[in-house]
N, C-alpha and C. Protein backbone atom coordinates (compact mmCIF):
# COMPACT_ATOMS: atom_id res chain seq x y z
N MET A 1 -113.43 -121.46 23.16
CA MET A 1 -114.31 -122.25 23.96
C MET A 1 -113.47 -122.91 25.13
N LYS A 2 -113.98 -122.74 26.22
CA LYS A 2 -113.25 -123.22 27.52
C LYS A 2 -111.82 -122.63 27.79
N ASP A 3 -111.43 -121.37 27.12
CA ASP A 3 -110.05 -120.88 27.51
C ASP A 3 -110.53 -119.80 28.35
N VAL A 4 -110.40 -120.30 29.56
CA VAL A 4 -110.63 -119.41 30.78
C VAL A 4 -109.37 -118.68 30.79
N ALA A 5 -108.01 -118.89 30.54
CA ALA A 5 -107.00 -117.89 30.51
C ALA A 5 -107.34 -116.81 29.48
N GLY A 6 -107.88 -116.96 28.40
CA GLY A 6 -108.40 -116.01 27.45
C GLY A 6 -109.46 -115.06 28.07
N LEU A 7 -110.23 -115.67 28.82
CA LEU A 7 -111.32 -114.90 29.51
C LEU A 7 -110.86 -113.81 30.20
N ARG A 8 -109.87 -113.93 30.90
CA ARG A 8 -109.08 -112.76 31.79
C ARG A 8 -108.85 -111.53 30.76
N GLY A 9 -108.25 -111.46 29.82
CA GLY A 9 -108.03 -110.60 29.05
C GLY A 9 -109.43 -109.92 28.36
N THR A 10 -110.14 -110.90 27.78
CA THR A 10 -111.26 -110.66 27.47
C THR A 10 -112.42 -109.92 28.17
N TYR A 11 -112.34 -110.40 29.30
CA TYR A 11 -113.18 -109.70 30.54
C TYR A 11 -112.90 -108.25 30.65
N TRP A 12 -111.51 -108.05 30.88
CA TRP A 12 -111.11 -106.63 31.27
C TRP A 12 -111.38 -105.66 29.86
N LYS A 13 -111.10 -106.21 28.83
CA LYS A 13 -111.28 -105.43 27.56
C LYS A 13 -112.72 -105.32 27.31
N ALA A 14 -113.58 -106.19 27.60
CA ALA A 14 -115.13 -105.91 27.30
C ALA A 14 -115.59 -104.80 28.47
N SER A 15 -115.17 -105.09 29.59
CA SER A 15 -115.62 -104.22 30.67
C SER A 15 -115.10 -102.78 30.43
N LEU A 16 -113.72 -102.52 30.04
CA LEU A 16 -113.17 -101.18 29.79
C LEU A 16 -113.93 -100.79 28.45
N LEU A 17 -114.03 -101.37 27.50
CA LEU A 17 -114.43 -100.93 26.28
C LEU A 17 -116.02 -100.53 26.44
N SER A 18 -116.80 -101.24 27.12
CA SER A 18 -118.23 -101.09 27.25
C SER A 18 -118.42 -99.77 28.28
N GLY A 19 -117.62 -99.88 29.33
CA GLY A 19 -117.61 -98.81 30.22
C GLY A 19 -117.26 -97.32 29.70
N ALA A 20 -116.26 -97.68 29.06
CA ALA A 20 -115.69 -96.15 28.40
C ALA A 20 -116.62 -95.54 27.26
N THR A 21 -117.19 -96.52 26.46
CA THR A 21 -118.00 -95.95 25.49
C THR A 21 -119.19 -95.58 25.92
N ILE A 22 -120.04 -96.28 27.05
CA ILE A 22 -121.28 -95.73 27.66
C ILE A 22 -121.19 -94.36 28.40
N THR A 23 -119.92 -94.51 29.31
CA THR A 23 -119.77 -93.17 30.00
C THR A 23 -119.30 -91.97 29.18
N ALA A 24 -118.55 -92.20 28.03
CA ALA A 24 -118.50 -91.32 27.05
C ALA A 24 -119.79 -90.76 26.47
N GLY A 25 -120.51 -91.55 26.09
CA GLY A 25 -122.00 -90.96 25.67
C GLY A 25 -122.74 -90.34 26.63
N LEU A 26 -122.66 -90.82 27.83
CA LEU A 26 -123.49 -90.16 28.98
C LEU A 26 -123.03 -88.77 29.24
N LEU A 27 -121.56 -88.84 29.37
CA LEU A 27 -120.95 -87.37 29.53
C LEU A 27 -121.06 -86.34 28.27
N LEU A 28 -120.90 -87.02 27.10
CA LEU A 28 -121.17 -86.05 25.91
C LEU A 28 -122.73 -85.76 25.89
N SER A 29 -123.53 -86.44 26.38
CA SER A 29 -124.99 -85.95 26.20
C SER A 29 -125.27 -84.93 27.18
N LEU A 30 -124.61 -84.80 28.29
CA LEU A 30 -124.89 -83.96 29.49
C LEU A 30 -125.19 -82.38 29.03
N PRO A 31 -124.14 -82.04 28.30
CA PRO A 31 -124.25 -80.50 27.81
C PRO A 31 -125.32 -80.28 26.95
N VAL A 32 -125.93 -81.11 26.11
CA VAL A 32 -126.95 -81.10 25.12
C VAL A 32 -128.34 -81.00 25.94
N LEU A 33 -128.56 -81.82 26.99
CA LEU A 33 -129.88 -82.04 27.62
C LEU A 33 -130.45 -80.69 28.14
N PRO A 34 -129.71 -79.77 28.67
CA PRO A 34 -130.52 -78.69 29.09
C PRO A 34 -131.04 -77.88 27.93
N LEU A 35 -130.52 -78.09 26.70
CA LEU A 35 -131.18 -77.24 25.61
C LEU A 35 -132.18 -78.29 24.99
N VAL A 36 -132.23 -79.41 25.19
CA VAL A 36 -133.23 -80.37 24.70
C VAL A 36 -134.42 -80.61 25.64
N LEU A 37 -134.16 -80.61 26.88
CA LEU A 37 -135.23 -80.97 27.87
C LEU A 37 -136.35 -79.86 28.03
N PRO A 38 -136.18 -78.60 27.68
CA PRO A 38 -137.40 -77.85 27.76
C PRO A 38 -138.21 -77.78 26.43
N ARG A 39 -137.55 -78.44 25.37
CA ARG A 39 -138.33 -78.76 24.29
C ARG A 39 -139.23 -79.81 24.37
N LEU A 40 -138.87 -80.89 25.16
CA LEU A 40 -139.64 -82.17 25.25
C LEU A 40 -140.63 -82.24 26.63
N PHE A 41 -140.23 -81.48 27.37
CA PHE A 41 -141.19 -81.68 28.69
C PHE A 41 -141.66 -80.08 29.03
N PRO A 42 -142.90 -80.12 29.84
CA PRO A 42 -143.36 -78.90 30.34
C PRO A 42 -142.26 -78.23 31.37
N PRO A 43 -142.36 -77.00 31.60
CA PRO A 43 -141.42 -76.28 32.34
C PRO A 43 -141.44 -76.69 33.69
N ASP A 44 -142.29 -77.17 34.35
CA ASP A 44 -142.33 -77.56 35.65
C ASP A 44 -141.61 -78.79 35.75
N PHE A 45 -141.27 -79.60 34.74
CA PHE A 45 -140.55 -80.92 34.74
C PHE A 45 -139.20 -80.72 34.59
N VAL A 46 -138.69 -79.59 33.88
CA VAL A 46 -137.13 -79.68 33.43
C VAL A 46 -136.30 -79.54 34.59
N GLU A 47 -136.42 -78.80 35.64
CA GLU A 47 -135.53 -78.69 36.73
C GLU A 47 -135.42 -79.93 37.44
N PRO A 48 -136.64 -80.54 37.87
CA PRO A 48 -136.33 -81.80 38.71
C PRO A 48 -135.88 -82.92 37.83
N LEU A 49 -136.10 -83.03 36.57
CA LEU A 49 -135.66 -84.10 35.70
C LEU A 49 -134.24 -83.85 35.57
N TRP A 50 -133.78 -82.56 35.38
CA TRP A 50 -132.19 -82.10 35.38
C TRP A 50 -131.37 -82.75 36.60
N THR A 51 -132.11 -82.52 37.82
CA THR A 51 -131.61 -82.81 38.94
C THR A 51 -131.23 -84.41 38.99
N MET A 52 -132.51 -85.07 38.49
CA MET A 52 -132.37 -86.60 38.61
C MET A 52 -131.30 -87.18 37.67
N ILE A 53 -131.18 -86.45 36.45
CA ILE A 53 -130.22 -86.89 35.63
C ILE A 53 -128.74 -86.76 36.11
N LEU A 54 -128.47 -85.53 36.67
CA LEU A 54 -127.25 -85.27 37.58
C LEU A 54 -126.86 -86.47 38.46
N ILE A 55 -127.81 -86.76 39.39
CA ILE A 55 -127.91 -87.77 40.37
C ILE A 55 -127.57 -89.18 39.77
N LEU A 56 -128.42 -89.44 38.74
CA LEU A 56 -128.21 -90.91 38.31
C LEU A 56 -126.96 -91.12 37.51
N THR A 57 -126.54 -90.30 36.64
CA THR A 57 -125.41 -90.25 35.80
C THR A 57 -124.11 -90.88 36.41
N PRO A 58 -123.72 -90.62 37.62
CA PRO A 58 -122.58 -91.36 38.03
C PRO A 58 -122.73 -92.79 38.08
N GLY A 59 -123.81 -93.18 38.75
CA GLY A 59 -124.08 -94.51 39.03
C GLY A 59 -124.25 -95.49 37.63
N LEU A 60 -124.87 -94.70 36.63
CA LEU A 60 -124.82 -95.46 35.34
C LEU A 60 -123.49 -95.58 34.55
N CYS A 61 -122.85 -94.42 35.05
CA CYS A 61 -121.28 -94.56 34.32
C CYS A 61 -120.61 -95.79 34.97
N VAL A 62 -120.72 -96.07 36.15
CA VAL A 62 -120.16 -97.04 37.03
C VAL A 62 -120.69 -98.28 36.60
N VAL A 63 -121.95 -98.47 36.64
CA VAL A 63 -122.52 -99.71 36.16
C VAL A 63 -122.34 -100.14 34.69
N SER A 64 -121.84 -99.25 33.81
CA SER A 64 -121.55 -99.48 32.44
C SER A 64 -120.33 -100.30 32.20
N PHE A 65 -119.60 -100.48 33.36
CA PHE A 65 -118.40 -101.34 33.22
C PHE A 65 -118.60 -102.84 33.66
N SER A 66 -119.85 -103.13 33.78
CA SER A 66 -120.22 -104.53 34.30
C SER A 66 -120.87 -105.40 33.25
N VAL A 67 -120.52 -105.07 31.94
CA VAL A 67 -121.18 -105.88 30.67
C VAL A 67 -120.60 -107.45 30.85
N ALA A 68 -119.45 -107.72 31.46
CA ALA A 68 -118.87 -108.96 31.38
C ALA A 68 -119.22 -109.80 32.49
N ASN A 69 -119.76 -109.27 33.62
CA ASN A 69 -119.71 -109.98 34.89
C ASN A 69 -120.75 -111.41 34.87
N ASP A 70 -121.81 -111.34 34.12
CA ASP A 70 -122.43 -112.56 33.93
C ASP A 70 -121.58 -113.74 33.27
N VAL A 71 -120.94 -113.25 32.33
CA VAL A 71 -120.21 -114.21 31.65
C VAL A 71 -119.09 -114.86 32.26
N PHE A 72 -118.52 -113.94 33.08
CA PHE A 72 -117.26 -114.34 34.03
C PHE A 72 -117.88 -115.43 35.24
N TYR A 73 -118.97 -114.95 35.53
CA TYR A 73 -119.56 -116.07 36.63
C TYR A 73 -119.91 -117.30 36.24
N LEU A 74 -120.59 -117.35 34.88
CA LEU A 74 -120.84 -118.53 34.03
C LEU A 74 -119.77 -119.31 33.60
N VAL A 75 -118.61 -118.71 33.11
CA VAL A 75 -117.74 -119.49 32.54
C VAL A 75 -116.65 -119.97 33.78
N THR A 76 -116.41 -119.28 34.95
CA THR A 76 -115.69 -119.65 35.85
C THR A 76 -116.41 -120.49 36.91
N ASP A 77 -117.64 -120.92 36.55
CA ASP A 77 -118.28 -121.72 37.55
C ASP A 77 -118.67 -121.28 39.08
N GLN A 78 -118.82 -119.79 39.02
CA GLN A 78 -118.79 -119.01 40.31
C GLN A 78 -120.35 -118.58 40.52
N MET A 79 -121.30 -119.20 39.83
CA MET A 79 -122.67 -118.76 40.04
C MET A 79 -123.13 -118.68 41.64
N GLY A 80 -122.72 -119.40 42.35
CA GLY A 80 -122.94 -119.47 43.65
C GLY A 80 -122.60 -118.27 44.41
N VAL A 81 -121.39 -117.92 44.13
CA VAL A 81 -120.72 -116.46 44.50
C VAL A 81 -121.66 -115.49 44.04
N ALA A 82 -122.07 -115.52 42.91
CA ALA A 82 -122.79 -114.42 42.30
C ALA A 82 -124.15 -114.18 42.79
N ILE A 83 -124.57 -115.34 43.30
CA ILE A 83 -126.23 -115.39 43.93
C ILE A 83 -126.04 -114.77 45.34
N ARG A 84 -125.04 -115.16 45.78
CA ARG A 84 -124.67 -114.76 47.32
C ARG A 84 -124.55 -113.25 47.25
N LEU A 85 -123.60 -112.76 46.45
CA LEU A 85 -123.26 -111.15 46.43
C LEU A 85 -124.48 -110.45 45.94
N SER A 86 -125.19 -111.03 45.04
CA SER A 86 -126.60 -110.53 44.68
C SER A 86 -127.59 -110.51 45.79
N LEU A 87 -127.65 -111.53 46.46
CA LEU A 87 -128.81 -111.49 47.75
C LEU A 87 -128.27 -110.47 48.59
N LEU A 88 -126.98 -110.44 49.03
CA LEU A 88 -126.51 -109.39 50.03
C LEU A 88 -126.64 -108.08 49.49
N GLY A 89 -126.35 -107.62 48.15
CA GLY A 89 -126.71 -106.36 47.47
C GLY A 89 -128.19 -106.16 47.67
N LEU A 90 -129.12 -107.11 47.37
CA LEU A 90 -130.28 -106.90 47.48
C LEU A 90 -130.88 -106.34 48.98
N CYS A 91 -130.24 -106.95 49.79
CA CYS A 91 -130.60 -106.42 51.29
C CYS A 91 -129.97 -105.17 51.65
N VAL A 92 -128.71 -105.05 51.25
CA VAL A 92 -128.06 -103.58 51.31
C VAL A 92 -128.78 -102.49 50.84
N ASN A 93 -129.01 -102.89 49.47
CA ASN A 93 -129.44 -101.81 48.56
C ASN A 93 -131.02 -101.38 48.76
N THR A 94 -131.73 -102.52 49.30
CA THR A 94 -133.19 -102.32 49.49
C THR A 94 -133.26 -101.24 50.94
N ALA A 95 -132.32 -101.70 51.88
CA ALA A 95 -132.30 -100.72 52.92
C ALA A 95 -131.78 -99.30 52.73
N GLN A 96 -130.65 -99.10 51.92
CA GLN A 96 -130.32 -97.97 51.57
C GLN A 96 -131.18 -97.04 50.76
N VAL A 97 -131.72 -97.62 49.73
CA VAL A 97 -133.02 -96.73 49.02
C VAL A 97 -133.91 -96.53 49.93
N ALA A 98 -134.49 -97.17 50.74
CA ALA A 98 -135.53 -96.82 51.64
C ALA A 98 -135.19 -95.87 52.63
N PHE A 99 -133.83 -95.93 53.07
CA PHE A 99 -133.24 -94.87 53.97
C PHE A 99 -133.27 -93.62 53.23
N PHE A 100 -132.73 -93.38 52.04
CA PHE A 100 -132.72 -92.38 51.31
C PHE A 100 -133.84 -91.58 50.87
N ALA A 101 -135.05 -92.57 50.60
CA ALA A 101 -136.13 -92.11 50.22
C ALA A 101 -137.02 -91.55 51.44
N TRP A 102 -136.68 -92.02 52.59
CA TRP A 102 -137.53 -91.30 53.73
C TRP A 102 -136.57 -90.18 54.19
N TRP A 103 -135.47 -90.17 54.17
CA TRP A 103 -134.49 -88.98 54.30
C TRP A 103 -134.65 -87.65 53.53
N LEU A 104 -134.78 -88.01 52.24
CA LEU A 104 -134.74 -87.10 51.27
C LEU A 104 -135.79 -87.41 50.29
N PRO A 105 -137.28 -87.06 50.65
CA PRO A 105 -138.28 -87.51 49.72
C PRO A 105 -138.39 -87.15 48.34
N THR A 106 -137.74 -85.98 47.95
CA THR A 106 -137.79 -85.69 46.62
C THR A 106 -136.76 -86.21 45.70
N ILE A 107 -135.58 -86.46 46.20
CA ILE A 107 -134.40 -86.94 45.65
C ILE A 107 -133.76 -88.33 46.00
N GLY A 108 -134.38 -88.64 47.22
CA GLY A 108 -133.75 -89.97 47.88
C GLY A 108 -133.52 -91.17 47.05
N VAL A 109 -134.80 -91.57 46.21
CA VAL A 109 -134.75 -92.84 45.39
C VAL A 109 -133.66 -92.63 44.47
N ALA A 110 -133.53 -91.44 44.02
CA ALA A 110 -132.39 -91.32 42.76
C ALA A 110 -130.98 -91.55 43.35
N ILE A 111 -130.86 -91.03 44.64
CA ILE A 111 -129.63 -91.22 45.13
C ILE A 111 -129.61 -92.66 45.55
N GLY A 112 -130.55 -93.39 46.21
CA GLY A 112 -130.48 -94.78 46.39
C GLY A 112 -130.26 -95.75 45.21
N LEU A 113 -130.79 -95.07 44.10
CA LEU A 113 -130.46 -95.79 42.81
C LEU A 113 -128.86 -95.86 42.41
N THR A 114 -128.49 -94.63 42.53
CA THR A 114 -126.90 -94.52 42.06
C THR A 114 -126.18 -95.43 42.98
N VAL A 115 -126.46 -95.32 44.29
CA VAL A 115 -125.62 -96.17 45.26
C VAL A 115 -125.76 -97.69 44.71
N THR A 116 -127.17 -98.03 44.49
CA THR A 116 -127.23 -99.51 43.94
C THR A 116 -126.40 -99.79 42.75
N CYS A 117 -126.38 -98.72 41.79
CA CYS A 117 -125.43 -98.94 40.92
C CYS A 117 -124.13 -99.20 41.09
N LEU A 118 -123.60 -98.44 42.22
CA LEU A 118 -122.02 -98.69 42.59
C LEU A 118 -121.87 -100.13 43.09
N TRP A 119 -123.10 -101.03 43.56
CA TRP A 119 -122.81 -102.24 44.01
C TRP A 119 -122.25 -103.14 42.84
N SER A 120 -122.21 -102.82 41.74
CA SER A 120 -121.60 -103.53 40.47
C SER A 120 -120.16 -103.68 40.76
N LEU A 121 -119.46 -102.55 41.51
CA LEU A 121 -118.15 -102.72 41.84
C LEU A 121 -117.80 -103.78 42.53
N VAL A 122 -118.64 -104.46 43.36
CA VAL A 122 -118.54 -105.63 44.23
C VAL A 122 -118.04 -106.84 43.21
N HIS A 123 -119.03 -106.78 42.27
CA HIS A 123 -118.75 -107.78 41.35
C HIS A 123 -117.44 -107.82 40.49
N VAL A 124 -116.97 -106.71 40.06
CA VAL A 124 -115.84 -106.27 39.36
C VAL A 124 -114.63 -106.62 40.25
N GLY A 125 -114.90 -106.22 41.53
CA GLY A 125 -113.69 -106.45 42.64
C GLY A 125 -113.64 -108.00 42.72
N TYR A 126 -114.64 -108.61 42.73
CA TYR A 126 -114.67 -110.09 43.03
C TYR A 126 -113.84 -110.83 41.68
N ALA A 127 -114.02 -110.39 40.54
CA ALA A 127 -113.56 -110.83 39.46
C ALA A 127 -112.12 -110.69 39.29
N TRP A 128 -111.60 -109.40 39.93
CA TRP A 128 -110.22 -109.01 39.83
C TRP A 128 -109.49 -110.12 41.03
N PHE A 129 -110.21 -110.23 42.17
CA PHE A 129 -109.87 -111.00 43.30
C PHE A 129 -109.63 -112.59 42.69
N TRP A 130 -110.63 -113.05 41.80
CA TRP A 130 -110.77 -114.49 41.43
C TRP A 130 -109.46 -114.63 40.36
N PHE A 131 -109.23 -113.59 39.56
CA PHE A 131 -108.20 -113.71 38.52
C PHE A 131 -106.84 -113.71 39.24
N ARG A 132 -106.65 -112.85 40.31
CA ARG A 132 -105.58 -112.60 41.13
C ARG A 132 -105.33 -114.20 41.80
N ARG A 133 -106.25 -114.79 42.26
CA ARG A 133 -105.92 -116.01 42.96
C ARG A 133 -105.86 -117.31 42.07
N HIS A 134 -105.73 -117.06 40.64
CA HIS A 134 -105.66 -118.27 39.82
C HIS A 134 -104.64 -117.87 38.86
N PRO A 135 -103.18 -117.55 39.31
CA PRO A 135 -102.21 -117.22 38.28
C PRO A 135 -101.95 -118.22 37.34
N GLU A 136 -102.30 -119.47 37.42
CA GLU A 136 -102.17 -120.42 36.44
C GLU A 136 -103.02 -120.20 35.37
N LEU A 137 -104.03 -119.37 35.31
CA LEU A 137 -104.77 -118.86 34.21
C LEU A 137 -104.51 -117.64 33.54
N GLN A 138 -103.30 -117.03 34.05
CA GLN A 138 -102.92 -115.95 33.29
C GLN A 138 -102.47 -116.31 31.97
N PRO A 139 -102.52 -115.34 30.97
CA PRO A 139 -102.03 -115.58 29.57
C PRO A 139 -100.54 -115.62 29.53
N LEU A 140 -100.08 -116.50 28.84
CA LEU A 140 -98.62 -116.92 28.75
C LEU A 140 -97.85 -115.49 28.01
N GLU A 141 -96.70 -115.01 28.53
CA GLU A 141 -96.11 -113.92 28.28
C GLU A 141 -95.42 -114.37 26.80
N ALA A 142 -95.40 -113.41 25.87
CA ALA A 142 -94.68 -113.73 24.48
C ALA A 142 -93.38 -113.64 24.80
N SER A 143 -92.61 -114.47 24.09
CA SER A 143 -91.08 -114.86 24.37
C SER A 143 -90.50 -114.14 23.30
């Protein structure tokens, strides 16, 4: 409780563990999906669905490393930053999803959603920056 120094290690461990686990699951499921999709969907759906899966998977892999962002903002009393970054992301991502949807009507929204997922890197980057600016919160080295 209130161990912000311990938060640093826990934040990175949780982020890496969740991201690695979810990414591994997504990547391991990709080879199986071409065998399963034709059994679950009509033939006309399979190819467009597979295309969407291939477009969305990278974004989902990236966003899977964001499990600890909310806790970071709450514990470090940085909710104002979280709100500002999220509002900026709303503006940027709404514009780019609209652009991709207009430019590529069949796959544009999927591309826009993948780019939106990449926005989560902004929050991870802010956490990294915040931890670097607060060396007094670094865990003590074992002697």
